[in-house]
Amino acid sequence: MMPAKELKALVDLGTSLGYTGEDLKQWLNDERMRVDREKEKVEKLKRHEEEKKRQEEEQKRQEEKKKRAFALETLKIEAQKELEHMKFEAEAERVKIEDEAKRAKIEAEKELERMKLETEAQKESERMKLKAETERMKIEAEKESERM
């Protein structure tokens, strides 16, 4: 429905164009329909623009969502790689410590064996000295008993 001011303006315009009576009514009816069609066209265009804008915003939201998902996935992959690297480094360190412990144990065992051999050699040397001393003393005792 048209506001009164617009209707009066249309009547004045139709009259100034020379329409009267039934012709004026028909012209007013045609003009109202034309104005309604234009308004409908404008509304339709406006709705279309709003829908287009809404779709563009939705597309932007979807793209941002995809970007965030991609960034999150990238971070997860990087974190996984870092975790694997840390596990690898920890395993390498563990193996290194084990190797060092094995080497230290072997060195300790070698040192213990060397010390045992050295001790045995010293004991053998002492025994040989004592045996030699005993032999010398026997020989001296025999010489002493022969002299008497």
N, C-alpha and C. Protein backbone atom coordinates (compact mmCIF):
# COMPACT_ATOMS: atom_id res chain seq x y z
N MET A 1 0.84 -1.18 0.00
CA MET A 1 0.00 0.00 0.00
C MET A 1 0.88 1.23 0.00
N MET A 2 0.50 2.19 -0.76
CA MET A 2 1.29 3.40 -0.94
C MET A 2 0.90 4.44 0.10
N PRO A 3 1.88 5.16 0.66
CA PRO A 3 1.57 6.24 1.61
C PRO A 3 0.79 7.35 0.90
N ALA A 4 0.03 8.09 1.69
CA ALA A 4 -0.86 9.13 1.15
C ALA A 4 -0.09 10.19 0.38
N LYS A 5 1.06 10.59 0.85
CA LYS A 5 1.84 11.64 0.18
C LYS A 5 2.27 11.17 -1.21
N GLU A 6 2.69 9.90 -1.30
CA GLU A 6 3.11 9.37 -2.60
C GLU A 6 1.92 9.28 -3.55
N LEU A 7 0.78 8.85 -3.01
CA LEU A 7 -0.42 8.73 -3.84
C LEU A 7 -0.85 10.10 -4.37
N LYS A 8 -0.83 11.12 -3.50
CA LYS A 8 -1.19 12.47 -3.91
C LYS A 8 -0.23 12.97 -4.97
N ALA A 9 1.07 12.69 -4.79
CA ALA A 9 2.07 13.13 -5.77
C ALA A 9 1.81 12.45 -7.11
N LEU A 10 1.43 11.16 -7.09
CA LEU A 10 1.13 10.44 -8.34
C LEU A 10 -0.12 11.03 -9.02
N VAL A 11 -1.12 11.35 -8.21
CA VAL A 11 -2.36 11.94 -8.78
C VAL A 11 -2.02 13.27 -9.44
N ASP A 12 -1.24 14.09 -8.75
CA ASP A 12 -0.84 15.39 -9.30
C ASP A 12 -0.05 15.21 -10.59
N LEU A 13 0.86 14.23 -10.60
CA LEU A 13 1.67 13.97 -11.78
C LEU A 13 0.79 13.50 -12.94
N GLY A 14 -0.14 12.55 -12.65
CA GLY A 14 -1.04 12.05 -13.70
C GLY A 14 -1.91 13.15 -14.26
N THR A 15 -2.39 14.02 -13.41
CA THR A 15 -3.22 15.14 -13.83
C THR A 15 -2.42 16.08 -14.71
N SER A 16 -1.18 16.34 -14.30
CA SER A 16 -0.35 17.26 -15.09
C SER A 16 -0.01 16.64 -16.45
N LEU A 17 -0.03 15.29 -16.52
CA LEU A 17 0.22 14.63 -17.80
C LEU A 17 -1.03 14.58 -18.67
N GLY A 18 -2.14 15.03 -18.10
CA GLY A 18 -3.36 15.13 -18.90
C GLY A 18 -4.33 13.97 -18.70
N TYR A 19 -4.10 13.10 -17.73
CA TYR A 19 -5.02 11.99 -17.48
C TYR A 19 -6.13 12.46 -16.58
N THR A 20 -7.37 11.99 -16.92
CA THR A 20 -8.52 12.33 -16.10
C THR A 20 -9.45 11.13 -16.04
N GLY A 21 -10.26 11.07 -15.00
CA GLY A 21 -11.27 10.02 -14.89
C GLY A 21 -10.69 8.62 -14.88
N GLU A 22 -11.28 7.76 -15.77
CA GLU A 22 -10.86 6.36 -15.87
C GLU A 22 -9.43 6.24 -16.33
N ASP A 23 -9.02 7.11 -17.22
CA ASP A 23 -7.63 7.07 -17.69
C ASP A 23 -6.67 7.35 -16.53
N LEU A 24 -7.02 8.30 -15.67
CA LEU A 24 -6.20 8.63 -14.51
C LEU A 24 -6.13 7.44 -13.56
N LYS A 25 -7.28 6.78 -13.32
CA LYS A 25 -7.31 5.59 -12.45
C LYS A 25 -6.42 4.49 -13.03
N GLN A 26 -6.54 4.26 -14.33
CA GLN A 26 -5.72 3.23 -14.98
C GLN A 26 -4.24 3.58 -14.89
N TRP A 27 -3.95 4.85 -15.17
CA TRP A 27 -2.55 5.30 -15.10
C TRP A 27 -2.01 5.14 -13.68
N LEU A 28 -2.81 5.54 -12.65
CA LEU A 28 -2.39 5.39 -11.25
C LEU A 28 -2.15 3.92 -10.90
N ASN A 29 -3.06 3.07 -11.37
CA ASN A 29 -2.93 1.63 -11.13
C ASN A 29 -1.64 1.10 -11.78
N ASP A 30 -1.39 1.50 -13.03
CA ASP A 30 -0.17 1.08 -13.73
C ASP A 30 1.08 1.59 -13.00
N GLU A 31 1.03 2.83 -12.56
CA GLU A 31 2.18 3.42 -11.85
C GLU A 31 2.43 2.71 -10.53
N ARG A 32 1.35 2.42 -9.78
CA ARG A 32 1.51 1.69 -8.51
C ARG A 32 2.13 0.32 -8.76
N MET A 33 1.67 -0.34 -9.80
CA MET A 33 2.22 -1.66 -10.13
C MET A 33 3.69 -1.53 -10.54
N ARG A 34 4.00 -0.50 -11.32
CA ARG A 34 5.39 -0.28 -11.72
C ARG A 34 6.25 0.00 -10.50
N VAL A 35 5.77 0.86 -9.59
CA VAL A 35 6.52 1.19 -8.37
C VAL A 35 6.68 -0.08 -7.51
N ASP A 36 5.60 -0.88 -7.41
CA ASP A 36 5.68 -2.13 -6.63
C ASP A 36 6.70 -3.09 -7.24
N ARG A 37 6.68 -3.17 -8.60
CA ARG A 37 7.65 -4.03 -9.27
C ARG A 37 9.08 -3.54 -9.02
N GLU A 38 9.27 -2.23 -9.10
CA GLU A 38 10.59 -1.67 -8.84
C GLU A 38 11.03 -1.94 -7.39
N LYS A 39 10.08 -1.73 -6.46
CA LYS A 39 10.40 -2.01 -5.06
C LYS A 39 10.74 -3.49 -4.88
N GLU A 40 9.95 -4.34 -5.51
CA GLU A 40 10.20 -5.78 -5.42
C GLU A 40 11.55 -6.12 -6.03
N LYS A 41 11.84 -5.47 -7.16
CA LYS A 41 13.13 -5.69 -7.83
C LYS A 41 14.28 -5.25 -6.92
N VAL A 42 14.10 -4.07 -6.31
CA VAL A 42 15.12 -3.54 -5.40
C VAL A 42 15.28 -4.48 -4.20
N GLU A 43 14.16 -4.93 -3.63
CA GLU A 43 14.20 -5.87 -2.49
C GLU A 43 14.89 -7.18 -2.88
N LYS A 44 14.53 -7.66 -4.07
CA LYS A 44 15.12 -8.90 -4.56
C LYS A 44 16.62 -8.73 -4.73
N LEU A 45 17.02 -7.61 -5.33
CA LEU A 45 18.44 -7.31 -5.52
C LEU A 45 19.14 -7.19 -4.16
N LYS A 46 18.47 -6.54 -3.22
CA LYS A 46 19.02 -6.37 -1.88
C LYS A 46 19.18 -7.74 -1.20
N ARG A 47 18.15 -8.59 -1.30
CA ARG A 47 18.23 -9.95 -0.73
C ARG A 47 19.34 -10.74 -1.39
N HIS A 48 19.45 -10.58 -2.72
CA HIS A 48 20.50 -11.28 -3.46
C HIS A 48 21.88 -10.82 -2.98
N GLU A 49 22.06 -9.51 -2.83
CA GLU A 49 23.33 -8.96 -2.35
C GLU A 49 23.63 -9.45 -0.93
N GLU A 50 22.60 -9.46 -0.08
CA GLU A 50 22.78 -9.95 1.29
C GLU A 50 23.16 -11.43 1.29
N GLU A 51 22.50 -12.21 0.44
CA GLU A 51 22.81 -13.65 0.34
C GLU A 51 24.24 -13.85 -0.17
N LYS A 52 24.59 -13.05 -1.17
CA LYS A 52 25.94 -13.13 -1.72
C LYS A 52 26.97 -12.77 -0.66
N LYS A 53 26.69 -11.72 0.09
CA LYS A 53 27.58 -11.29 1.16
C LYS A 53 27.68 -12.37 2.24
N ARG A 54 26.53 -12.96 2.58
CA ARG A 54 26.50 -14.03 3.58
C ARG A 54 27.32 -15.23 3.10
N GLN A 55 27.17 -15.57 1.82
CA GLN A 55 27.93 -16.69 1.26
C GLN A 55 29.43 -16.40 1.25
N GLU A 56 29.77 -15.15 0.90
CA GLU A 56 31.18 -14.77 0.90
C GLU A 56 31.76 -14.86 2.31
N GLU A 57 30.99 -14.38 3.29
CA GLU A 57 31.44 -14.45 4.69
C GLU A 57 31.58 -15.90 5.13
N GLU A 58 30.61 -16.72 4.73
CA GLU A 58 30.68 -18.15 5.06
C GLU A 58 31.91 -18.79 4.42
N GLN A 59 32.16 -18.41 3.17
CA GLN A 59 33.33 -18.95 2.47
C GLN A 59 34.62 -18.50 3.19
N LYS A 60 34.65 -17.24 3.61
CA LYS A 60 35.82 -16.75 4.35
C LYS A 60 35.98 -17.52 5.65
N ARG A 61 34.87 -17.75 6.36
CA ARG A 61 34.93 -18.52 7.61
C ARG A 61 35.45 -19.93 7.35
N GLN A 62 34.96 -20.53 6.26
CA GLN A 62 35.41 -21.88 5.92
C GLN A 62 36.90 -21.90 5.59
N GLU A 63 37.33 -20.88 4.83
CA GLU A 63 38.75 -20.80 4.48
C GLU A 63 39.60 -20.61 5.73
N GLU A 64 39.14 -19.73 6.63
CA GLU A 64 39.87 -19.52 7.89
C GLU A 64 39.89 -20.80 8.71
N LYS A 65 38.77 -21.50 8.71
CA LYS A 65 38.70 -22.77 9.45
C LYS A 65 39.71 -23.76 8.86
N LYS A 66 39.77 -23.82 7.51
CA LYS A 66 40.72 -24.71 6.85
C LYS A 66 42.16 -24.30 7.18
N LYS A 67 42.43 -22.99 7.17
CA LYS A 67 43.77 -22.50 7.48
C LYS A 67 44.14 -22.88 8.92
N ARG A 68 43.20 -22.67 9.85
CA ARG A 68 43.48 -23.03 11.25
C ARG A 68 43.70 -24.53 11.38
N ALA A 69 42.88 -25.32 10.68
CA ALA A 69 43.03 -26.78 10.73
C ALA A 69 44.39 -27.18 10.16
N PHE A 70 44.77 -26.55 9.06
CA PHE A 70 46.06 -26.84 8.44
C PHE A 70 47.20 -26.46 9.39
N ALA A 71 47.08 -25.26 9.98
CA ALA A 71 48.11 -24.81 10.92
C ALA A 71 48.19 -25.75 12.12
N LEU A 72 47.04 -26.18 12.60
CA LEU A 72 47.02 -27.11 13.74
C LEU A 72 47.66 -28.44 13.35
N GLU A 73 47.33 -28.92 12.17
CA GLU A 73 47.91 -30.18 11.70
C GLU A 73 49.43 -30.04 11.53
N THR A 74 49.83 -28.88 11.00
CA THR A 74 51.27 -28.62 10.85
C THR A 74 51.96 -28.62 12.20
N LEU A 75 51.33 -27.97 13.18
CA LEU A 75 51.91 -27.95 14.53
C LEU A 75 51.97 -29.37 15.12
N LYS A 76 50.93 -30.15 14.88
CA LYS A 76 50.92 -31.53 15.38
C LYS A 76 52.06 -32.33 14.75
N ILE A 77 52.24 -32.16 13.45
CA ILE A 77 53.30 -32.88 12.74
C ILE A 77 54.67 -32.44 13.27
N GLU A 78 54.84 -31.13 13.43
CA GLU A 78 56.11 -30.61 13.96
C GLU A 78 56.36 -31.13 15.37
N ALA A 79 55.31 -31.15 16.19
CA ALA A 79 55.45 -31.66 17.56
C ALA A 79 55.81 -33.14 17.54
N GLN A 80 55.17 -33.89 16.65
CA GLN A 80 55.47 -35.32 16.54
C GLN A 80 56.92 -35.53 16.11
N LYS A 81 57.37 -34.73 15.12
CA LYS A 81 58.75 -34.83 14.66
C LYS A 81 59.71 -34.50 15.80
N GLU A 82 59.39 -33.45 16.54
CA GLU A 82 60.23 -33.05 17.67
C GLU A 82 60.27 -34.15 18.73
N LEU A 83 59.12 -34.76 18.99
CA LEU A 83 59.06 -35.86 19.96
C LEU A 83 59.90 -37.03 19.49
N GLU A 84 59.78 -37.38 18.21
CA GLU A 84 60.58 -38.47 17.66
C GLU A 84 62.07 -38.14 17.74
N HIS A 85 62.40 -36.89 17.45
CA HIS A 85 63.81 -36.46 17.53
C HIS A 85 64.30 -36.58 18.97
N MET A 86 63.48 -36.14 19.91
CA MET A 86 63.87 -36.22 21.32
C MET A 86 64.01 -37.68 21.76
N LYS A 87 63.12 -38.55 21.29
CA LYS A 87 63.22 -39.98 21.61
C LYS A 87 64.52 -40.55 21.04
N PHE A 88 64.81 -40.17 19.79
CA PHE A 88 66.03 -40.63 19.14
C PHE A 88 67.26 -40.16 19.93
N GLU A 89 67.27 -38.88 20.30
CA GLU A 89 68.38 -38.33 21.06
C GLU A 89 68.52 -39.04 22.41
N ALA A 90 67.38 -39.29 23.08
CA ALA A 90 67.41 -39.97 24.37
C ALA A 90 67.96 -41.39 24.21
N GLU A 91 67.52 -42.07 23.16
CA GLU A 91 68.00 -43.44 22.91
C GLU A 91 69.50 -43.42 22.61
N ALA A 92 69.95 -42.46 21.81
CA ALA A 92 71.37 -42.34 21.50
C ALA A 92 72.16 -42.08 22.78
N GLU A 93 71.66 -41.22 23.63
CA GLU A 93 72.33 -40.92 24.90
C GLU A 93 72.37 -42.15 25.79
N ARG A 94 71.27 -42.91 25.83
CA ARG A 94 71.21 -44.13 26.63
C ARG A 94 72.26 -45.13 26.13
N VAL A 95 72.31 -45.31 24.81
CA VAL A 95 73.28 -46.24 24.23
C VAL A 95 74.70 -45.78 24.54
N LYS A 96 74.94 -44.47 24.45
CA LYS A 96 76.26 -43.93 24.74
C LYS A 96 76.65 -44.21 26.19
N ILE A 97 75.70 -43.98 27.10
CA ILE A 97 75.96 -44.22 28.53
C ILE A 97 76.22 -45.71 28.77
N GLU A 98 75.42 -46.56 28.13
CA GLU A 98 75.64 -48.00 28.26
C GLU A 98 77.02 -48.39 27.76
N ASP A 99 77.41 -47.86 26.60
CA ASP A 99 78.74 -48.17 26.05
C ASP A 99 79.84 -47.70 26.99
N GLU A 100 79.68 -46.50 27.52
CA GLU A 100 80.68 -45.98 28.46
C GLU A 100 80.74 -46.86 29.70
N ALA A 101 79.58 -47.31 30.18
CA ALA A 101 79.55 -48.17 31.36
C ALA A 101 80.23 -49.51 31.06
N LYS A 102 79.97 -50.06 29.87
CA LYS A 102 80.62 -51.32 29.47
C LYS A 102 82.13 -51.14 29.39
N ARG A 103 82.56 -50.03 28.76
CA ARG A 103 83.99 -49.77 28.65
C ARG A 103 84.62 -49.61 30.03
N ALA A 104 83.93 -48.90 30.90
CA ALA A 104 84.45 -48.70 32.26
C ALA A 104 84.54 -50.03 32.99
N LYS A 105 83.54 -50.89 32.82
CA LYS A 105 83.55 -52.20 33.46
C LYS A 105 84.71 -53.04 32.93
N ILE A 106 84.89 -53.02 31.60
CA ILE A 106 85.98 -53.78 30.98
C ILE A 106 87.33 -53.27 31.49
N GLU A 107 87.46 -51.93 31.55
CA GLU A 107 88.71 -51.34 32.05
C GLU A 107 88.93 -51.74 33.50
N ALA A 108 87.87 -51.72 34.30
CA ALA A 108 88.00 -52.10 35.72
C ALA A 108 88.41 -53.57 35.82
N GLU A 109 87.78 -54.41 34.99
CA GLU A 109 88.13 -55.83 35.00
C GLU A 109 89.58 -56.04 34.57
N LYS A 110 90.02 -55.31 33.55
CA LYS A 110 91.42 -55.40 33.11
C LYS A 110 92.36 -54.95 34.23
N GLU A 111 92.00 -53.83 34.86
CA GLU A 111 92.83 -53.31 35.94
C GLU A 111 92.89 -54.31 37.10
N LEU A 112 91.75 -54.91 37.43
CA LEU A 112 91.71 -55.92 38.49
C LEU A 112 92.59 -57.12 38.12
N GLU A 113 92.48 -57.56 36.88
CA GLU A 113 93.30 -58.69 36.41
C GLU A 113 94.78 -58.32 36.45
N ARG A 114 95.10 -57.11 36.01
CA ARG A 114 96.49 -56.65 36.04
C ARG A 114 97.00 -56.63 37.48
N MET A 115 96.15 -56.14 38.39
CA MET A 115 96.55 -56.07 39.79
C MET A 115 96.73 -57.48 40.36
N LYS A 116 95.83 -58.41 39.99
CA LYS A 116 95.97 -59.79 40.45
C LYS A 116 97.28 -60.39 39.95
N LEU A 117 97.55 -60.18 38.66
CA LEU A 117 98.79 -60.70 38.09
C LEU A 117 100.01 -60.08 38.75
N GLU A 118 99.92 -58.79 38.99
CA GLU A 118 101.01 -58.08 39.64
C GLU A 118 101.23 -58.62 41.06
N THR A 119 100.11 -58.83 41.77
CA THR A 119 100.18 -59.38 43.12
C THR A 119 100.77 -60.78 43.10
N GLU A 120 100.29 -61.60 42.18
CA GLU A 120 100.81 -62.96 42.04
C GLU A 120 102.30 -62.92 41.69
N ALA A 121 102.67 -62.00 40.82
CA ALA A 121 104.08 -61.89 40.43
C ALA A 121 104.92 -61.47 41.63
N GLN A 122 104.37 -60.55 42.44
CA GLN A 122 105.10 -60.12 43.63
C GLN A 122 105.24 -61.29 44.62
N LYS A 123 104.13 -62.03 44.79
CA LYS A 123 104.18 -63.19 45.70
C LYS A 123 105.19 -64.21 45.19
N GLU A 124 105.15 -64.45 43.87
CA GLU A 124 106.08 -65.42 43.27
C GLU A 124 107.52 -64.93 43.45
N SER A 125 107.70 -63.64 43.26
CA SER A 125 109.02 -63.06 43.43
C SER A 125 109.47 -63.23 44.88
N GLU A 126 108.57 -62.94 45.81
CA GLU A 126 108.87 -63.09 47.24
C GLU A 126 109.19 -64.54 47.54
N ARG A 127 108.39 -65.46 47.03
CA ARG A 127 108.60 -66.88 47.26
C ARG A 127 109.95 -67.30 46.71
N MET A 128 110.27 -66.81 45.50
CA MET A 128 111.54 -67.16 44.87
C MET A 128 112.71 -66.60 45.71
N LYS A 129 112.53 -65.37 46.23
CA LYS A 129 113.57 -64.78 47.07
C LYS A 129 113.75 -65.61 48.33
N LEU A 130 112.58 -65.99 48.92
CA LEU A 130 112.66 -66.79 50.15
C LEU A 130 113.31 -68.14 49.88
N LYS A 131 112.95 -68.74 48.75
CA LYS A 131 113.52 -70.03 48.38
C LYS A 131 115.01 -69.87 48.16
N ALA A 132 115.36 -68.79 47.45
CA ALA A 132 116.78 -68.56 47.19
C ALA A 132 117.51 -68.31 48.50
N GLU A 133 116.88 -67.53 49.40
CA GLU A 133 117.47 -67.24 50.70
C GLU A 133 117.61 -68.53 51.52
N THR A 134 116.56 -69.37 51.46
CA THR A 134 116.61 -70.64 52.18
C THR A 134 117.73 -71.52 51.63
N GLU A 135 117.85 -71.57 50.32
CA GLU A 135 118.91 -72.36 49.68
C GLU A 135 120.27 -71.83 50.07
N ARG A 136 120.40 -70.54 50.06
CA ARG A 136 121.67 -69.93 50.42
C ARG A 136 122.01 -70.25 51.87
N MET A 137 120.97 -70.19 52.71
CA MET A 137 121.21 -70.46 54.12
C MET A 137 121.57 -71.93 54.32
N LYS A 138 120.95 -72.83 53.58
CA LYS A 138 121.27 -74.26 53.64
C LYS A 138 122.73 -74.47 53.24
N ILE A 139 123.07 -73.83 52.10
CA ILE A 139 124.43 -74.00 51.59
C ILE A 139 125.41 -73.46 52.61
N GLU A 140 125.13 -72.32 53.20
CA GLU A 140 126.02 -71.74 54.21
C GLU A 140 126.09 -72.65 55.42
N ALA A 141 124.93 -73.21 55.78
CA ALA A 141 124.90 -74.11 56.94
C ALA A 141 125.72 -75.35 56.65
N GLU A 142 125.65 -75.88 55.45
CA GLU A 142 126.43 -77.06 55.07
C GLU A 142 127.92 -76.72 55.05
N LYS A 143 128.23 -75.54 54.54
CA LYS A 143 129.65 -75.14 54.49
C LYS A 143 130.14 -74.95 55.92
N GLU A 144 129.33 -74.42 56.74
CA GLU A 144 129.69 -74.16 58.13
C GLU A 144 129.87 -75.50 58.85
N SER A 145 128.99 -76.46 58.58
CA SER A 145 129.11 -77.73 59.23
C SER A 145 130.31 -78.48 58.66
N GLU A 146 130.70 -78.32 57.45
CA GLU A 146 131.87 -78.96 56.86
C GLU A 146 133.12 -78.33 57.46
N ARG A 147 133.15 -77.14 57.78
CA ARG A 147 134.28 -76.47 58.34
C ARG A 147 134.48 -76.91 59.78
N MET A 148 133.67 -77.34 60.37
CA MET A 148 133.79 -77.73 61.77
C MET A 148 134.12 -79.13 61.87
